Amino acid sequence: MPAPTIGHVPEHLPDRLVITLWDFSWYTQAGPGQPYADLGEAFREARDRGCNAVRICAAPLHLFFEEELGSDLLVSGFGPRPGGRYFGDGTRWYDVRGGSPVSLRARLLELFTEAERHGFVVILSSWEYQQSPSFSSDDRWWRTIDAVPLRQRMDALADATIDLLGFLDANGFMDQVAFVELHNEVDFSRVDGDAAAVERAVARVTDACPGLPVTVSYGKPPHLDMESLPRGLGVGQFHIYAYGVLNALQERIDIRSTGIEGFPNRMLRGLLRDDAPSWEDYGRPDPWRLEATVVTDQMLYGYDSLDPDRFDLWLYERYALFREQMLGEIHARVTATAAWGRRRDVPVVFGEGWVGYTPLLSRFEDGPVGKDLAEAGLGRAAELGAWGAVTTSNAAPHHPMWADVAWQRRAAAIFAG
């Protein structure tokens, strides 16, 4: 049975948020035949899986920072690569074919209309200093926001978010906003994540929109030093990824690095598909796209070229050595962040989890191991009174796991009761 929710939740909002992570994919994969072509159907399916909240990149800087960017966005993805495939086609989130124009304002209103119709609330965030602009057909979005000095970026996000909220208010949708998260993972993005900068930006939006919870999210919460977090956060929004055995593999194959001499090393070559291109023949996306994202050229090559069965087999063969460590990390981080929420008297949300970033067709997180870890995290979060949680980051229309309806219902029930 879930414990009473930590902190104050506005009365008109649900007692528990079961979140599906739609990130920027709700507009980058919105073309005909793509996962978000029909937003109404996507919401219906999410409700059928036990969800009542979506978390999105609302692209506030694109919409409200510079008039010249306007509302229209032509999504291109990372482009074609030799062999008739496209960059990112073996990755999660970057498997974007593009080719579809999107009117972001109109689509945002459509999303809120469908959210209201299906009984959902929306968590507003931005991934713009992490990867959203990299999917545009040209570099204007990225160059415009990259020109903002680092120390001013949280302020720019605050101002654009205030305008975004004004736009939603004018259209009658403020009651659908669960809370505002000024940027995703300020500890892993090209923003000033210093406590003072975050406090200033959060206060700015809170003053402009009293009663609305405002925060940022953390990709790796400082569970051993939670008091180092900024003051004034209206929600604690934390991501709990255990990694463990996955991190051990990624380190051995240099998958997160760039510019490594001798890449791909012997171990990675042993995990590639038989028909995988060489590193030299694979090609490269436009350089500015790699500037605009936190994913490296080596990760794109590796995940586009891996044999998912070989990848998963390596993880399964060694998981027993890491299981207790991974379960322990999830337990410790959920416990520490919930304790912080009680001390600060603010709600706690786990907006992402629970293993890590795997290739698109890997089943490691979607199978029995990942499900076990997710259920452990969700159970602990419910016991400690968390306000919201994802069943798993991979439980969304743009991931293969979306087809596993029965488990998502079960996971939602573990958290929400």
Protein backbone atom coordinates (compact mmCIF):
# COMPACT_ATOMS: atom_id res chain seq x y z
CA MET A 1 0.00 0.00 0.00
CA PRO A 2 1.53 3.36 -0.99
CA ALA A 3 2.38 5.70 1.87
CA PRO A 4 0.90 9.22 2.05
CA THR A 5 2.56 11.54 -0.42
CA ILE A 6 5.53 13.56 0.82
CA GLY A 7 5.11 17.33 0.69
CA HIS A 8 2.25 19.48 -0.56
CA VAL A 9 0.56 18.52 -3.83
CA PRO A 10 -1.94 21.07 -5.24
CA GLU A 11 -5.47 19.82 -4.59
CA HIS A 12 -6.52 19.65 -8.25
CA LEU A 13 -3.67 17.27 -9.15
CA PRO A 14 -3.59 13.46 -8.77
CA ASP A 15 -2.26 11.97 -5.52
CA ARG A 16 0.07 9.76 -7.57
CA LEU A 17 1.62 10.40 -10.98
CA VAL A 18 2.32 7.34 -13.11
CA ILE A 19 4.49 8.91 -15.77
CA THR A 20 5.21 7.98 -19.36
CA LEU A 21 8.30 9.70 -20.74
CA TRP A 22 7.48 11.30 -24.09
CA ASP A 23 10.47 13.72 -23.92
CA PHE A 24 11.02 15.41 -27.33
CA SER A 25 9.82 12.34 -29.25
CA TRP A 26 6.24 13.61 -29.22
CA TYR A 27 7.31 16.10 -31.89
CA THR A 28 10.39 14.44 -33.45
CA GLN A 29 8.45 11.23 -34.21
CA ALA A 30 5.12 12.77 -35.16
CA GLY A 31 5.02 12.08 -38.90
CA PRO A 32 2.70 9.65 -40.71
CA GLY A 33 3.14 6.11 -39.41
CA GLN A 34 5.35 7.26 -36.53
CA PRO A 35 4.63 6.62 -32.81
CA TYR A 36 3.07 10.03 -32.12
CA ALA A 37 1.24 10.59 -35.39
CA ASP A 38 -2.06 10.33 -33.48
CA LEU A 39 -1.74 11.98 -30.08
CA GLY A 40 -5.23 10.94 -29.06
CA GLU A 41 -4.39 7.29 -29.65
CA ALA A 42 -1.07 7.66 -27.81
CA PHE A 43 -2.91 9.03 -24.76
CA ARG A 44 -5.54 6.29 -24.97
CA GLU A 45 -2.82 3.64 -24.99
CA ALA A 46 -1.02 5.33 -22.10
CA ARG A 47 -4.21 5.36 -20.03
CA ASP A 48 -4.72 1.68 -20.84
CA ARG A 49 -1.26 1.00 -19.36
CA GLY A 50 -2.08 2.74 -16.09
CA CYS A 51 -0.49 6.14 -16.73
CA ASN A 52 -1.96 9.53 -15.85
CA ALA A 53 0.95 11.89 -16.60
CA VAL A 54 3.26 12.61 -19.52
CA ARG A 55 6.65 14.30 -19.26
CA ILE A 56 7.68 16.31 -22.31
CA CYS A 57 10.18 18.71 -23.75
CA ALA A 58 7.95 21.72 -24.41
CA ALA A 59 10.75 23.50 -26.33
CA PRO A 60 10.26 26.85 -24.54
CA LEU A 61 13.37 28.41 -26.05
CA HIS A 62 12.34 27.52 -29.59
CA LEU A 63 8.86 28.88 -29.00
CA PHE A 64 9.48 31.97 -26.89
CA PHE A 65 13.16 32.93 -26.71
CA GLU A 66 13.73 34.44 -30.16
CA GLU A 67 10.94 35.51 -32.48
CA GLU A 68 12.93 34.50 -35.54
CA LEU A 69 12.76 30.82 -34.59
CA GLY A 70 8.97 30.98 -34.65
CA SER A 71 6.76 27.95 -34.17
CA ASP A 72 7.56 25.85 -37.22
CA LEU A 73 10.11 23.06 -37.02
CA LEU A 74 11.24 20.75 -39.80
CA VAL A 75 12.46 17.54 -38.20
CA SER A 76 15.25 15.78 -40.07
CA GLY A 77 16.94 13.47 -37.59
CA PHE A 78 20.69 12.93 -37.94
CA GLY A 79 20.39 12.16 -41.62
CA PRO A 80 21.11 9.25 -43.98
CA ARG A 81 24.30 7.23 -43.78
CA PRO A 82 26.00 4.94 -46.28
CA GLY A 83 24.22 1.67 -46.97
CA GLY A 84 20.71 3.11 -47.10
CA ARG A 85 20.29 3.42 -43.34
CA TYR A 86 20.26 6.52 -41.15
CA PHE A 87 22.31 7.74 -38.21
CA GLY A 88 20.79 6.70 -34.91
CA ASP A 89 18.61 3.91 -36.28
CA GLY A 90 19.90 1.48 -33.65
CA THR A 91 19.61 3.87 -30.71
CA ARG A 92 16.83 4.92 -28.40
CA TRP A 93 15.57 8.49 -28.88
CA TYR A 94 17.87 9.15 -31.87
CA ASP A 95 16.08 6.76 -34.24
CA VAL A 96 14.44 9.74 -35.95
CA ARG A 97 13.86 9.57 -39.71
CA GLY A 98 12.50 13.09 -39.94
CA GLY A 99 11.02 14.67 -43.02
CA SER A 100 7.93 16.00 -41.26
CA PRO A 101 7.18 19.68 -40.53
CA VAL A 102 5.75 20.43 -37.10
CA SER A 103 3.99 23.57 -35.88
CA LEU A 104 5.13 23.41 -32.27
CA ARG A 105 2.51 25.78 -30.86
CA ALA A 106 -0.36 24.04 -32.59
CA ARG A 107 0.98 20.65 -31.59
CA LEU A 108 1.42 21.74 -27.97
CA LEU A 109 -2.22 22.84 -27.86
CA GLU A 110 -3.24 19.54 -29.42
CA LEU A 111 -1.26 17.65 -26.79
CA PHE A 112 -2.93 19.56 -23.95
CA THR A 113 -6.36 19.10 -25.53
CA GLU A 114 -5.85 15.35 -25.69
CA ALA A 115 -4.33 15.28 -22.20
CA GLU A 116 -7.43 16.95 -20.79
CA ARG A 117 -9.73 14.64 -22.76
CA HIS A 118 -7.99 11.52 -21.45
CA GLY A 119 -7.53 12.68 -17.84
CA PHE A 120 -3.78 13.35 -17.96
CA VAL A 121 -1.56 16.02 -16.50
CA VAL A 122 1.63 17.24 -18.16
CA ILE A 123 5.12 17.76 -16.75
CA LEU A 124 6.73 20.56 -18.73
CA SER A 125 10.48 20.39 -19.27
CA SER A 126 13.16 21.27 -21.81
CA TRP A 127 15.88 19.09 -23.34
CA GLU A 128 17.12 21.99 -25.45
CA TYR A 129 20.61 22.11 -23.94
CA GLN A 130 20.89 18.33 -24.08
CA GLN A 131 19.71 17.28 -27.55
CA SER A 132 16.37 18.62 -28.85
CA PRO A 133 17.87 21.05 -31.44
CA SER A 134 20.03 18.30 -32.95
CA PHE A 135 16.97 16.85 -34.71
CA SER A 136 16.17 20.05 -36.63
CA SER A 137 16.79 20.26 -40.37
CA ASP A 138 19.23 23.12 -39.83
CA ASP A 139 21.36 24.56 -37.03
CA ARG A 140 19.43 27.80 -36.32
CA TRP A 141 17.78 26.53 -33.15
CA TRP A 142 21.08 25.26 -31.75
CA ARG A 143 23.13 28.31 -32.79
CA THR A 144 20.54 30.68 -31.31
CA ILE A 145 20.50 29.10 -27.86
CA ASP A 146 24.21 28.22 -27.86
CA ALA A 147 24.96 31.94 -28.25
CA VAL A 148 23.52 32.55 -24.76
CA PRO A 149 26.40 32.72 -22.25
CA LEU A 150 26.46 29.70 -19.94
CA ARG A 151 25.77 31.77 -16.82
CA GLN A 152 22.63 33.24 -18.39
CA ARG A 153 21.03 30.07 -19.70
CA MET A 154 18.91 29.26 -16.66
CA ASP A 155 17.59 32.83 -16.72
CA ALA A 156 16.75 32.49 -20.42
CA LEU A 157 14.92 29.24 -19.70
CA ALA A 158 13.01 30.90 -16.87
CA ASP A 159 11.87 33.80 -19.06
CA ALA A 160 10.85 31.52 -21.92
CA THR A 161 9.00 29.22 -19.52
CA ILE A 162 7.05 32.14 -18.07
CA ASP A 163 5.95 33.02 -21.61
CA LEU A 164 5.09 29.36 -22.26
CA LEU A 165 2.91 29.26 -19.16
CA GLY A 166 1.23 32.49 -20.19
CA PHE A 167 0.42 30.90 -23.55
CA LEU A 168 -1.07 27.83 -21.88
CA ASP A 169 -3.01 29.97 -19.41
CA ALA A 170 -4.48 32.04 -22.24
CA ASN A 171 -5.72 28.80 -23.79
CA GLY A 172 -7.21 27.47 -20.54
CA PHE A 173 -4.74 24.68 -19.85
CA MET A 174 -2.98 25.64 -16.62
CA ASP A 175 -4.87 23.04 -14.58
CA GLN A 176 -3.30 20.34 -16.77
CA VAL A 177 0.24 21.35 -15.77
CA ALA A 178 1.49 19.04 -13.01
CA PHE A 179 4.69 21.00 -12.50
CA VAL A 180 7.40 22.82 -14.40
CA GLU A 181 10.92 21.48 -14.74
CA LEU A 182 13.07 24.24 -16.22
CA HIS A 183 15.52 21.80 -17.77
CA ASN A 184 16.19 18.10 -17.88
CA GLU A 185 19.22 16.88 -15.94
CA VAL A 186 20.97 20.15 -15.17
CA ASP A 187 23.94 18.10 -13.97
CA PHE A 188 24.37 16.55 -17.45
CA SER A 189 23.37 19.43 -19.73
CA ARG A 190 24.98 22.55 -21.15
CA VAL A 191 23.46 24.83 -18.53
CA ASP A 192 24.75 26.39 -15.34
CA GLY A 193 23.65 23.82 -12.78
CA ASP A 194 25.17 25.78 -9.90
CA ALA A 195 22.78 26.03 -6.96
CA ALA A 196 22.63 29.83 -7.09
CA ALA A 197 21.73 29.88 -10.80
CA VAL A 198 19.03 27.26 -10.32
CA GLU A 199 17.62 29.00 -7.24
CA ARG A 200 17.41 32.30 -9.11
CA ALA A 201 15.66 30.79 -12.13
CA VAL A 202 13.22 28.72 -10.07
CA ALA A 203 12.34 31.75 -7.93
CA ARG A 204 11.71 33.81 -11.07
CA VAL A 205 9.11 31.38 -12.40
CA THR A 206 7.62 30.71 -8.96
CA ASP A 207 7.10 34.44 -8.41
CA ALA A 208 5.46 34.78 -11.83
CA CYS A 209 3.20 31.73 -11.33
CA PRO A 210 2.43 31.37 -7.61
CA GLY A 211 1.03 27.99 -6.62
CA LEU A 212 2.69 26.15 -9.49
CA PRO A 213 5.49 23.77 -8.43
CA VAL A 214 8.74 24.67 -10.22
CA THR A 215 11.98 22.70 -10.27
CA VAL A 216 14.79 21.20 -12.37
CA SER A 217 15.73 17.54 -12.68
CA TYR A 218 18.91 15.70 -11.78
CA GLY A 219 20.33 12.81 -13.78
CA LYS A 220 22.35 11.56 -10.81
CA PRO A 221 21.03 12.97 -7.55
CA PRO A 222 23.76 13.58 -4.95
CA HIS A 223 22.31 11.00 -2.58
CA LEU A 224 25.30 11.28 -0.23
CA ASP A 225 25.02 15.08 -0.06
CA MET A 226 21.39 16.00 -0.69
CA GLU A 227 21.69 19.25 1.24
CA SER A 228 23.89 20.57 -1.58
CA LEU A 229 20.78 20.85 -3.76
CA PRO A 230 19.34 24.32 -4.41
CA ARG A 231 16.79 25.83 -2.07
CA GLY A 232 13.32 26.66 -3.30
CA LEU A 233 12.69 23.60 -5.48
CA GLY A 234 8.94 22.96 -5.61
CA VAL A 235 9.46 19.29 -6.46
CA GLY A 236 12.41 16.95 -6.13
CA GLN A 237 12.71 15.46 -9.62
CA PHE A 238 15.36 12.75 -9.69
CA HIS A 239 16.48 10.06 -12.12
CA ILE A 240 17.52 6.73 -10.69
CA TYR A 241 19.67 4.65 -13.04
CA ALA A 242 21.55 1.73 -11.51
CA TYR A 243 23.83 1.06 -14.55
CA GLY A 244 26.07 -1.47 -12.76
CA VAL A 245 26.78 -4.23 -15.27
CA LEU A 246 25.76 -1.92 -18.14
CA ASN A 247 28.35 0.63 -17.06
CA ALA A 248 30.98 -2.12 -16.87
CA LEU A 249 30.31 -3.02 -20.49
CA GLN A 250 30.17 0.58 -21.71
CA GLU A 251 33.53 1.33 -20.13
CA ARG A 252 35.14 -1.71 -21.72
CA ILE A 253 34.00 -0.78 -25.24
CA ASP A 254 34.58 3.02 -25.00
CA ILE A 255 31.00 3.59 -26.12
CA ARG A 256 30.50 6.95 -24.39
CA SER A 257 33.85 8.42 -25.41
CA THR A 258 35.01 10.26 -28.52
CA GLY A 259 38.37 10.51 -30.24
CA ILE A 260 39.68 7.23 -28.81
CA GLU A 261 42.61 5.86 -30.80
CA GLY A 262 42.02 2.35 -32.08
CA PHE A 263 38.23 2.57 -31.82
CA PRO A 264 36.42 0.22 -32.10
CA ASN A 265 38.49 -1.98 -29.83
CA ARG A 266 38.61 -5.76 -30.03
CA MET A 267 35.86 -6.26 -27.48
CA LEU A 268 33.40 -3.99 -29.27
CA ARG A 269 34.21 -5.61 -32.61
CA GLY A 270 33.18 -8.92 -31.07
CA LEU A 271 29.72 -7.51 -30.27
CA LEU A 272 28.99 -6.04 -33.71
CA ARG A 273 26.61 -7.49 -36.27
CA ASP A 274 28.22 -9.55 -38.99
CA ASP A 275 27.19 -6.94 -41.58
CA ALA A 276 28.21 -3.90 -39.49
CA PRO A 277 30.12 -1.19 -41.38
CA SER A 278 33.65 -0.31 -40.39
CA TRP A 279 34.18 2.83 -38.31
CA GLU A 280 35.60 4.51 -41.41
CA ASP A 281 32.71 3.48 -43.69
CA TYR A 282 30.00 4.39 -41.19
CA GLY A 283 30.34 8.13 -41.92
CA ARG A 284 29.51 11.04 -39.63
CA PRO A 285 26.46 13.23 -39.06
CA ASP A 286 26.81 16.99 -39.48
CA PRO A 287 29.35 18.24 -36.91
CA TRP A 288 26.91 20.76 -35.42
CA ARG A 289 24.51 17.94 -34.51
CA LEU A 290 27.17 16.38 -32.31
CA GLU A 291 27.74 19.80 -30.72
CA ALA A 292 24.02 20.01 -29.95
CA THR A 293 23.77 16.66 -28.17
CA VAL A 294 25.44 14.80 -25.32
CA VAL A 295 25.65 11.55 -27.31
CA THR A 296 29.03 10.93 -28.96
CA ASP A 297 29.93 9.72 -32.44
CA GLN A 298 31.30 6.51 -30.92
CA MET A 299 28.00 5.77 -29.18
CA LEU A 300 26.06 6.35 -32.41
CA TYR A 301 28.35 3.98 -34.30
CA GLY A 302 28.35 1.39 -31.55
CA TYR A 303 24.60 1.28 -30.96
CA ASP A 304 23.81 1.44 -34.68
CA SER A 305 26.21 -1.46 -35.34
CA LEU A 306 25.80 -3.77 -32.33
CA ASP A 307 24.15 -7.14 -32.46
CA PRO A 308 21.56 -6.71 -29.67
CA ASP A 309 21.64 -10.41 -28.76
CA ARG A 310 25.42 -10.39 -28.31
CA PHE A 311 25.13 -7.18 -26.28
CA ASP A 312 22.43 -8.63 -24.02
CA LEU A 313 24.19 -11.96 -23.62
CA TRP A 314 27.30 -10.25 -22.26
CA LEU A 315 25.14 -8.43 -19.70
CA TYR A 316 23.16 -11.52 -18.68
CA GLU A 317 26.29 -13.63 -18.24
CA ARG A 318 27.72 -11.14 -15.74
CA TYR A 319 24.60 -9.70 -14.11
CA ALA A 320 24.82 -11.95 -11.05
CA LEU A 321 28.05 -10.19 -10.08
CA PHE A 322 26.26 -6.83 -10.04
CA ARG A 323 22.69 -7.64 -8.95
CA GLU A 324 22.98 -6.79 -5.28
CA GLN A 325 24.96 -3.64 -6.07
CA MET A 326 22.32 -2.44 -8.55
CA LEU A 327 19.40 -3.20 -6.25
CA GLY A 328 21.29 -1.53 -3.42
CA GLU A 329 21.92 1.62 -5.44
CA ILE A 330 18.26 1.93 -6.37
CA HIS A 331 17.19 1.39 -2.75
CA ALA A 332 19.76 3.85 -1.37
CA ARG A 333 19.01 6.61 -3.87
CA VAL A 334 15.25 6.34 -3.56
CA THR A 335 15.57 6.34 0.23
CA ALA A 336 17.93 9.33 0.33
CA THR A 337 15.89 11.44 -2.06
CA ALA A 338 12.64 10.67 -0.25
CA ALA A 339 14.25 11.64 3.07
CA TRP A 340 15.35 14.92 1.47
CA GLY A 341 11.76 15.53 0.34
CA ARG A 342 10.46 15.00 3.87
CA ARG A 343 13.03 17.41 5.30
CA ARG A 344 12.22 20.05 2.69
CA ASP A 345 8.47 19.23 2.74
CA VAL A 346 8.30 18.97 -1.06
CA PRO A 347 6.97 16.16 -3.26
CA VAL A 348 9.46 13.73 -4.80
CA VAL A 349 9.23 12.39 -8.36
CA PHE A 350 11.34 9.80 -10.15
CA GLY A 351 11.01 10.98 -13.72
CA GLU A 352 13.40 8.43 -15.24
CA GLY A 353 14.80 4.98 -14.36
CA TRP A 354 15.91 2.25 -13.77
CA VAL A 355 18.88 0.62 -15.58
CA GLY A 356 20.43 2.96 -18.17
CA TYR A 357 20.85 3.77 -21.83
CA THR A 358 20.72 0.60 -23.91
CA PRO A 359 20.47 0.08 -27.70
CA LEU A 360 17.01 0.29 -29.23
CA LEU A 361 16.60 -3.47 -29.74
CA SER A 362 18.30 -4.56 -26.52
CA ARG A 363 15.92 -6.48 -24.27
CA PHE A 364 18.03 -6.31 -21.13
CA GLU A 365 16.07 -3.51 -19.46
CA ASP A 366 12.78 -4.62 -21.01
CA GLY A 367 13.17 -8.25 -19.88
CA PRO A 368 13.17 -10.01 -16.50
CA VAL A 369 16.26 -8.27 -15.13
CA GLY A 370 15.13 -4.76 -15.95
CA LYS A 371 11.60 -5.45 -14.77
CA ASP A 372 12.85 -6.79 -11.45
CA LEU A 373 14.96 -3.68 -10.89
CA ALA A 374 12.08 -1.41 -11.90
CA GLU A 375 9.65 -3.15 -9.56
CA ALA A 376 12.13 -2.81 -6.71
CA GLY A 377 12.42 0.92 -7.35
CA LEU A 378 8.69 1.45 -7.77
CA GLY A 379 7.89 -0.51 -4.63
CA ARG A 380 10.37 1.46 -2.55
CA ALA A 381 9.14 4.76 -4.02
CA ALA A 382 5.55 3.86 -3.10
CA GLU A 383 6.54 2.80 0.43
CA LEU A 384 8.24 6.14 1.03
CA GLY A 385 5.49 8.37 -0.37
CA ALA A 386 6.89 9.53 -3.70
CA TRP A 387 4.44 11.62 -5.70
CA GLY A 388 5.38 10.33 -9.15
CA ALA A 389 7.44 7.78 -11.04
CA VAL A 390 7.97 6.27 -14.46
CA THR A 391 7.40 2.56 -14.64
CA THR A 392 10.60 2.65 -16.71
CA SER A 393 12.06 5.19 -19.13
CA ASN A 394 11.46 2.68 -21.94
CA ALA A 395 7.70 2.51 -21.36
CA ALA A 396 6.61 4.98 -24.04
CA PRO A 397 5.23 4.79 -27.60
CA HIS A 398 8.66 5.20 -29.23
CA HIS A 399 10.16 2.13 -27.52
CA PRO A 400 9.54 -1.57 -28.27
CA MET A 401 8.54 -2.12 -24.63
CA TRP A 402 5.30 -0.22 -25.26
CA ALA A 403 3.92 -3.51 -26.58
CA ASP A 404 4.24 -5.13 -23.14
CA VAL A 405 0.91 -3.86 -21.85
CA ALA A 406 0.45 -6.40 -19.06
CA TRP A 407 3.72 -5.58 -17.32
CA GLN A 408 3.16 -1.82 -17.55
CA ARG A 409 -0.22 -2.23 -15.87
CA ARG A 410 1.39 -4.32 -13.17
CA ALA A 411 4.18 -1.79 -12.63
CA ALA A 412 1.71 1.09 -12.45
CA ALA A 413 -0.26 -0.80 -9.80
CA ILE A 414 2.89 -1.41 -7.74
CA PHE A 415 3.44 2.32 -7.52
CA ALA A 416 -0.08 3.75 -7.46
CA GLY A 417 -1.91 0.93 -5.68
